[in-house]
C-alpha cells in the first residue's frame, strides 16, 4: 500500500526510493545508494546541462515544476521540487497522485562525448508509477492561504452597506464565527502535525546516530584485531583504543603502528592459536615478551 506525503508548492520529495523494481520492459532494477550517489554526483557536475523539470507521464514538453536540488537520504533520492501553478493545481485537484523518476543508466555527456554512468533526467507526474514504493502526493493548503481567505471574507462582510437588515448581519456574523473556528482548528491540526513530524525526525536522527556508533565500533574492533595479528602488542592497542574516535584516527595511527616494533607471535616454535580471545592473546604476547610458558 502506497503512503501519502503532504507538501507545499516547494518541498522535498522522495522521487526514487531505495529498493528493487521488477518491470517487463527492463527486468529487475536495483535502486541502491551507489546508483543514487552517482546521479547526485553528475547533477552537481552539471550533467545533464539543462535544468531538470517535471513533466506529465514522461512525455516531455511543458514543465509543471522544476528540480532545485538533490540529496541522498537513507530511504532514497530526494528532490527539492518547486511546482508551478499548473503543477500544483493538478495535484490539488487529484488529477495526478504519484511521481516517476526518469534516468539514464549510462548517460552520454553532450559536452565531452563520454559515458558518465547513472544520470537523473527529471521526473514525471503520473498515475501509474513503475516503482511500488513511491508516495502518494497531496498538496496541503498553507496557513497563509487560510488566513488570506479568512481576511477576504471579513472584508466582504464589513463592506456591506449600512442599510443591511439585522437578520442578514446576524447571519454574516455567524458565518464569520464559524470560519474563525475552522481556521483555529486548522492551525491546531497543523501545529500537531508539525509536532509529530518533529518527534519523528528526532527518533530517526537518534537511530541514525546509534547505527553510526555501532558500525564505527565494529570497524574499530576489526582494525584492532588486524594490528594485533600484525604483531602489535594488545596492551598498546588497548591504550590507543581510547583515543581512536573517528575514521580519520585510523589513518593517523596506521602510520604510527606501521613503523612501530612488531612482536613475533611464535615463541619456541609454537604458534599462538588464532581462535583465542583478545584477552588470552594479550596474555600470550606478554609471556612471550617477559618469559614463561605460553
Protein backbone atom coordinates (compact mmCIF):
# COMPACT_ATOMS: atom_id res chain seq x y z
CA UNK A 1 0.00 0.00 0.00
CA UNK A 2 1.39 3.39 -1.00
CA UNK A 3 1.92 6.06 1.63
CA UNK A 4 0.81 9.68 1.41
CA UNK A 5 3.11 12.69 1.66
CA UNK A 6 1.70 16.17 2.21
CA UNK A 7 3.68 19.00 0.71
CA UNK A 8 3.57 22.68 -0.11
CA UNK A 9 4.30 24.21 -3.54
CA UNK A 10 8.01 23.76 -2.80
CA UNK A 11 9.01 20.57 -0.99
CA UNK A 12 11.50 17.70 -0.69
CA UNK A 13 10.07 14.57 -2.34
CA UNK A 14 11.45 11.04 -2.43
CA UNK A 15 11.34 10.57 -6.21
CA UNK A 16 13.33 7.31 -6.28
CA UNK A 17 13.04 5.09 -3.17
CA UNK A 18 15.79 2.57 -2.47
CA UNK A 19 14.66 -0.95 -3.33
CA UNK A 20 14.12 -3.43 -6.16
CA UNK A 21 11.74 -2.94 -9.10
CA UNK A 22 10.55 -5.70 -11.42
CA UNK A 23 9.41 -4.45 -14.81
CA UNK A 24 8.63 -6.36 -18.03
CA UNK A 25 10.46 -3.71 -20.07
CA UNK A 26 13.65 -3.54 -18.00
CA UNK A 27 13.60 -6.72 -15.92
CA UNK A 28 14.97 -6.48 -12.38
CA UNK A 29 16.10 -2.94 -11.50
CA UNK A 30 18.08 -2.39 -8.29
CA UNK A 31 17.98 1.10 -6.82
CA UNK A 32 20.71 1.39 -4.20
CA UNK A 33 22.80 4.12 -2.59
CA UNK A 34 25.61 3.73 -5.14
CA UNK A 35 23.19 4.43 -8.01
CA UNK A 36 21.73 7.47 -6.24
CA UNK A 37 25.14 8.86 -5.25
CA UNK A 38 26.23 8.65 -8.90
CA UNK A 39 23.13 10.56 -10.01
CA UNK A 40 23.82 13.30 -7.47
CA UNK A 41 27.50 13.46 -8.44
CA UNK A 42 26.56 14.01 -12.10
CA UNK A 43 23.87 16.53 -11.11
CA UNK A 44 26.37 18.59 -9.12
CA UNK A 45 28.77 18.43 -12.09
CA UNK A 46 26.10 19.98 -14.32
CA UNK A 47 25.15 16.75 -16.07
CA UNK A 48 22.85 16.94 -17.91
CA UNK A 49 23.44 20.53 -18.99
CA UNK A 50 19.79 21.59 -18.72
CA UNK A 51 17.72 22.33 -15.61
CA UNK A 52 15.74 19.26 -14.55
CA UNK A 53 12.00 19.65 -14.92
CA UNK A 54 8.73 17.96 -14.01
CA UNK A 55 6.57 16.80 -16.92
CA UNK A 56 3.47 14.66 -17.34
CA UNK A 57 3.68 10.91 -17.96
CA UNK A 58 7.27 11.15 -19.31
CA UNK A 59 6.09 12.98 -22.42
CA UNK A 60 8.49 15.92 -22.08
CA UNK A 61 7.29 19.28 -23.28
CA UNK A 62 5.79 21.79 -20.87
CA UNK A 63 7.23 21.99 -17.35
CA UNK A 64 4.93 21.65 -14.36
CA UNK A 65 7.73 22.28 -11.89
CA UNK A 66 11.50 22.45 -11.52
CA UNK A 67 14.04 20.49 -9.50
CA UNK A 68 16.09 22.88 -7.35
CA UNK A 69 18.29 20.37 -5.53
CA UNK A 70 19.02 16.68 -4.88
CA UNK A 71 20.22 14.78 -1.84
CA UNK A 72 20.73 11.21 -0.69
CA UNK A 73 18.76 10.01 2.31
CA UNK A 74 18.53 6.60 3.93
CA UNK A 75 15.36 5.70 2.02
CA UNK A 76 16.06 7.13 -1.42
CA UNK A 77 16.80 10.04 -3.76
CA UNK A 78 15.12 13.26 -2.63
CA UNK A 79 14.49 16.21 -4.92
CA UNK A 80 13.69 19.75 -3.82
CA UNK A 81 10.81 20.49 -6.19
CA UNK A 82 9.20 23.85 -6.96
CA UNK A 83 5.83 23.25 -8.60
CA UNK A 84 4.35 26.00 -10.76
CA UNK A 85 0.65 26.89 -10.62
CA UNK A 86 -0.33 24.27 -13.20
CA UNK A 87 1.59 21.53 -11.39
CA UNK A 88 0.13 22.49 -8.02
CA UNK A 89 -3.39 22.50 -9.40
CA UNK A 90 -3.03 19.05 -10.95
CA UNK A 91 -2.06 17.62 -7.55
CA UNK A 92 -4.55 19.66 -5.51
CA UNK A 93 -7.41 18.60 -7.77
CA UNK A 94 -6.34 14.94 -7.60
CA UNK A 95 -5.63 14.60 -11.32
CA UNK A 96 -2.10 13.29 -10.64
CA UNK A 97 -1.10 11.45 -7.47
CA UNK A 98 2.42 9.99 -7.95
CA UNK A 99 5.88 10.69 -9.29
CA UNK A 100 8.12 8.64 -11.58
CA UNK A 101 11.84 9.35 -11.88
CA UNK A 102 13.46 9.28 -15.30
CA UNK A 103 17.13 8.39 -15.60
CA UNK A 104 19.77 7.03 -17.97
CA UNK A 105 21.88 4.16 -16.59
CA UNK A 106 24.92 5.30 -18.61
CA UNK A 107 24.35 8.83 -19.89
CA UNK A 108 26.44 10.22 -22.74
CA UNK A 109 27.76 13.64 -21.71
CA UNK A 110 26.81 16.02 -24.53
CA UNK A 111 29.87 18.19 -23.86
CA UNK A 112 32.59 15.53 -23.73
CA UNK A 113 31.11 12.58 -25.58
CA UNK A 114 32.00 10.33 -22.62
CA UNK A 115 29.68 7.91 -20.83
CA UNK A 116 29.28 9.11 -17.25
CA UNK A 117 27.06 6.47 -15.64
CA UNK A 118 23.67 6.85 -13.95
CA UNK A 119 22.17 10.30 -14.55
CA UNK A 120 18.82 11.75 -13.50
CA UNK A 121 16.95 13.36 -16.42
CA UNK A 122 13.95 14.66 -14.46
CA UNK A 123 10.71 13.13 -13.24
CA UNK A 124 7.08 12.97 -14.24
CA UNK A 125 3.74 13.31 -12.55
CA UNK A 126 1.87 10.08 -13.24
CA UNK A 127 -0.90 7.84 -12.02
CA UNK A 128 0.93 4.61 -12.91
CA UNK A 129 4.35 4.70 -11.19
CA UNK A 130 6.76 1.89 -12.07
CA UNK A 131 8.22 1.97 -8.55
CA UNK A 132 5.86 0.36 -5.99
CA UNK A 133 7.24 2.37 -3.05
CA UNK A 134 6.71 5.96 -4.27
CA UNK A 135 4.46 8.01 -2.02
CA UNK A 136 1.11 9.48 -2.98
CA UNK A 137 1.27 13.26 -3.30
CA UNK A 138 -1.12 15.63 -1.61
CA UNK A 139 -0.67 19.40 -1.63
CA UNK A 140 -1.86 20.95 1.60
CA UNK A 141 -3.33 24.42 1.82
CA UNK A 142 -0.84 26.66 3.60
CA UNK A 143 -1.65 28.61 6.76
CA UNK A 144 -1.03 31.77 4.74
CA UNK A 145 -3.75 30.78 2.28
CA UNK A 146 -6.20 30.04 5.10
CA UNK A 147 -5.54 33.40 6.78
CA UNK A 148 -5.85 35.30 3.49
CA UNK A 149 -9.15 33.58 2.73
CA UNK A 150 -10.41 34.46 6.20
CA UNK A 151 -9.31 38.09 5.79
CA UNK A 152 -11.04 38.32 2.40
CA UNK A 153 -14.27 37.03 3.94
CA UNK A 154 -14.07 39.69 6.66
CA UNK A 155 -13.51 42.35 4.01
CA UNK A 156 -16.60 41.26 2.09
CA UNK A 157 -18.71 41.16 5.22
CA UNK A 158 -17.79 44.59 6.55
CA UNK A 159 -18.04 46.24 3.13
CA UNK A 160 -21.82 45.55 3.07
CA UNK A 161 -23.87 48.81 3.06
CA UNK A 162 -25.13 50.08 6.41
CA UNK A 163 -28.68 49.56 5.22
CA UNK A 164 -28.22 45.81 5.62
CA UNK A 165 -31.00 44.37 7.76
CA UNK A 166 -30.31 42.83 11.17
CA UNK A 167 -31.15 39.30 10.02
CA UNK A 168 -28.54 39.40 7.25
CA UNK A 169 -25.97 40.96 9.60
CA UNK A 170 -26.58 38.25 12.18
CA UNK A 171 -26.20 35.59 9.51
CA UNK A 172 -22.92 37.09 8.31
CA UNK A 173 -21.52 37.36 11.82
CA UNK A 174 -22.45 33.73 12.44
CA UNK A 175 -20.62 32.82 9.24
CA UNK A 176 -17.53 34.74 10.41
CA UNK A 177 -17.59 32.94 13.74
CA UNK A 178 -17.81 29.58 12.01
CA UNK A 179 -14.90 30.42 9.72
CA UNK A 180 -12.90 31.69 12.68
CA UNK A 181 -13.38 28.37 14.48
CA UNK A 182 -12.43 26.44 11.34
CA UNK A 183 -9.21 28.43 10.91
CA UNK A 184 -8.34 27.89 14.57
CA UNK A 185 -8.97 24.16 14.18
CA UNK A 186 -6.80 24.03 11.07
CA UNK A 187 -4.00 25.88 12.88
CA UNK A 188 -4.19 23.43 15.79
CA UNK A 189 -4.13 20.47 13.37
CA UNK A 190 -1.12 21.94 11.60
CA UNK A 191 0.67 22.55 14.90
CA UNK A 192 0.05 18.95 15.98
CA UNK A 193 1.25 17.66 12.61
CA UNK A 194 4.45 19.71 12.89
CA UNK A 195 4.99 18.41 16.42
CA UNK A 196 4.54 14.79 15.29
CA UNK A 197 6.89 15.35 12.38
CA UNK A 198 9.48 16.90 14.69
CA UNK A 199 9.26 13.93 17.05
CA UNK A 200 9.63 11.51 14.13
CA UNK A 201 12.71 13.38 12.91
CA UNK A 202 14.24 13.26 16.40
CA UNK A 203 13.69 9.49 16.54
CA UNK A 204 15.23 8.98 13.10
CA UNK A 205 18.24 11.13 14.00
CA UNK A 206 18.73 9.17 17.23
CA UNK A 207 18.51 5.84 15.37
CA UNK A 208 20.93 7.09 12.74
CA UNK A 209 23.41 8.18 15.43
CA UNK A 210 23.15 4.82 17.22
CA UNK A 211 23.67 2.94 13.94
CA UNK A 212 26.69 5.08 13.09
CA UNK A 213 28.21 4.48 16.52
CA UNK A 214 27.61 0.72 16.26
CA UNK A 215 29.16 0.49 12.81
CA UNK A 216 32.16 2.54 13.92
CA UNK A 217 32.69 0.29 16.95
CA UNK A 218 32.58 -2.81 14.73
CA UNK A 219 35.07 -1.19 12.37
CA UNK A 220 37.36 -0.35 15.29
CA UNK A 221 37.28 -3.89 16.66
CA UNK A 222 38.25 -5.27 13.26
CA UNK A 223 41.03 -2.67 12.97
CA UNK A 224 42.41 -3.63 16.40
CA UNK A 225 42.42 -7.34 15.57
CA UNK A 226 44.18 -6.63 12.30
CA UNK A 227 47.06 -4.83 14.03
CA UNK A 228 47.31 -7.43 16.77
CA UNK A 229 47.61 -10.01 14.01
CA UNK A 230 50.47 -7.97 12.54
CA UNK A 231 52.38 -8.15 15.82
CA UNK A 232 51.37 -5.02 17.73
CA UNK A 233 51.04 -5.74 21.44
CA UNK A 234 47.40 -5.84 22.60
CA UNK A 235 48.33 -3.64 25.57
CA UNK A 236 49.44 -0.93 23.17
CA UNK A 237 46.29 -1.35 21.05
CA UNK A 238 44.14 -1.04 24.18
CA UNK A 239 45.81 2.27 25.04
CA UNK A 240 45.27 3.59 21.52
CA UNK A 241 41.64 2.42 21.59
CA UNK A 242 40.74 5.23 23.98
CA UNK A 243 41.83 7.95 21.54
CA UNK A 244 40.55 6.43 18.29
CA UNK A 245 37.34 8.42 17.95
CA UNK A 246 36.84 8.79 14.18
CA UNK A 247 37.69 7.30 10.79
CA UNK A 248 40.50 9.85 10.44
CA UNK A 249 42.14 8.43 13.56
CA UNK A 250 42.55 5.06 11.85
CA UNK A 251 44.72 6.62 9.16
CA UNK A 252 46.73 8.59 11.71
CA UNK A 253 47.53 5.58 13.86
CA UNK A 254 48.08 3.32 10.85
CA UNK A 255 51.22 5.34 10.06
CA UNK A 256 52.42 5.14 13.67
CA UNK A 257 51.75 1.42 14.03
CA UNK A 258 53.31 0.61 10.67
CA UNK A 259 56.62 1.97 11.96
CA UNK A 260 56.30 0.50 15.46
CA UNK A 261 58.26 -2.60 16.63
CA UNK A 262 56.37 -5.80 15.99
CA UNK A 263 56.27 -8.85 18.27
CA UNK A 264 57.00 -12.30 16.91
CA UNK A 265 53.84 -14.16 17.89
CA UNK A 266 55.63 -17.51 17.50
CA UNK A 267 57.62 -18.46 20.58
CA UNK A 268 59.81 -21.58 20.89
CA UNK A 269 58.39 -22.93 17.63
CA UNK A 270 54.84 -22.84 18.96
CA UNK A 271 52.37 -20.57 17.13
CA UNK A 272 49.78 -18.77 19.17
CA UNK A 273 46.28 -20.01 18.22
CA UNK A 274 44.26 -17.51 16.18
CA UNK A 275 40.94 -18.52 17.66
CA UNK A 276 41.72 -17.40 21.21
CA UNK A 277 40.12 -14.28 22.71
CA UNK A 278 41.80 -10.87 22.64
CA UNK A 279 42.41 -11.12 26.38
CA UNK A 280 44.15 -14.51 26.05
CA UNK A 281 46.19 -13.29 23.10
CA UNK A 282 47.32 -10.27 25.13
CA UNK A 283 48.42 -12.63 27.94
CA UNK A 284 50.25 -14.86 25.47
CA UNK A 285 52.12 -11.95 23.94
CA UNK A 286 53.05 -10.64 27.39
CA UNK A 287 54.52 -14.05 28.29
CA UNK A 288 56.40 -14.10 25.02
CA UNK A 289 57.97 -10.75 25.88
CA UNK A 290 58.74 -11.33 29.57
CA UNK A 291 59.31 -15.09 29.57
CA UNK A 292 57.32 -18.05 30.87
CA UNK A 293 55.39 -20.83 29.27
CA UNK A 294 52.79 -19.97 26.70
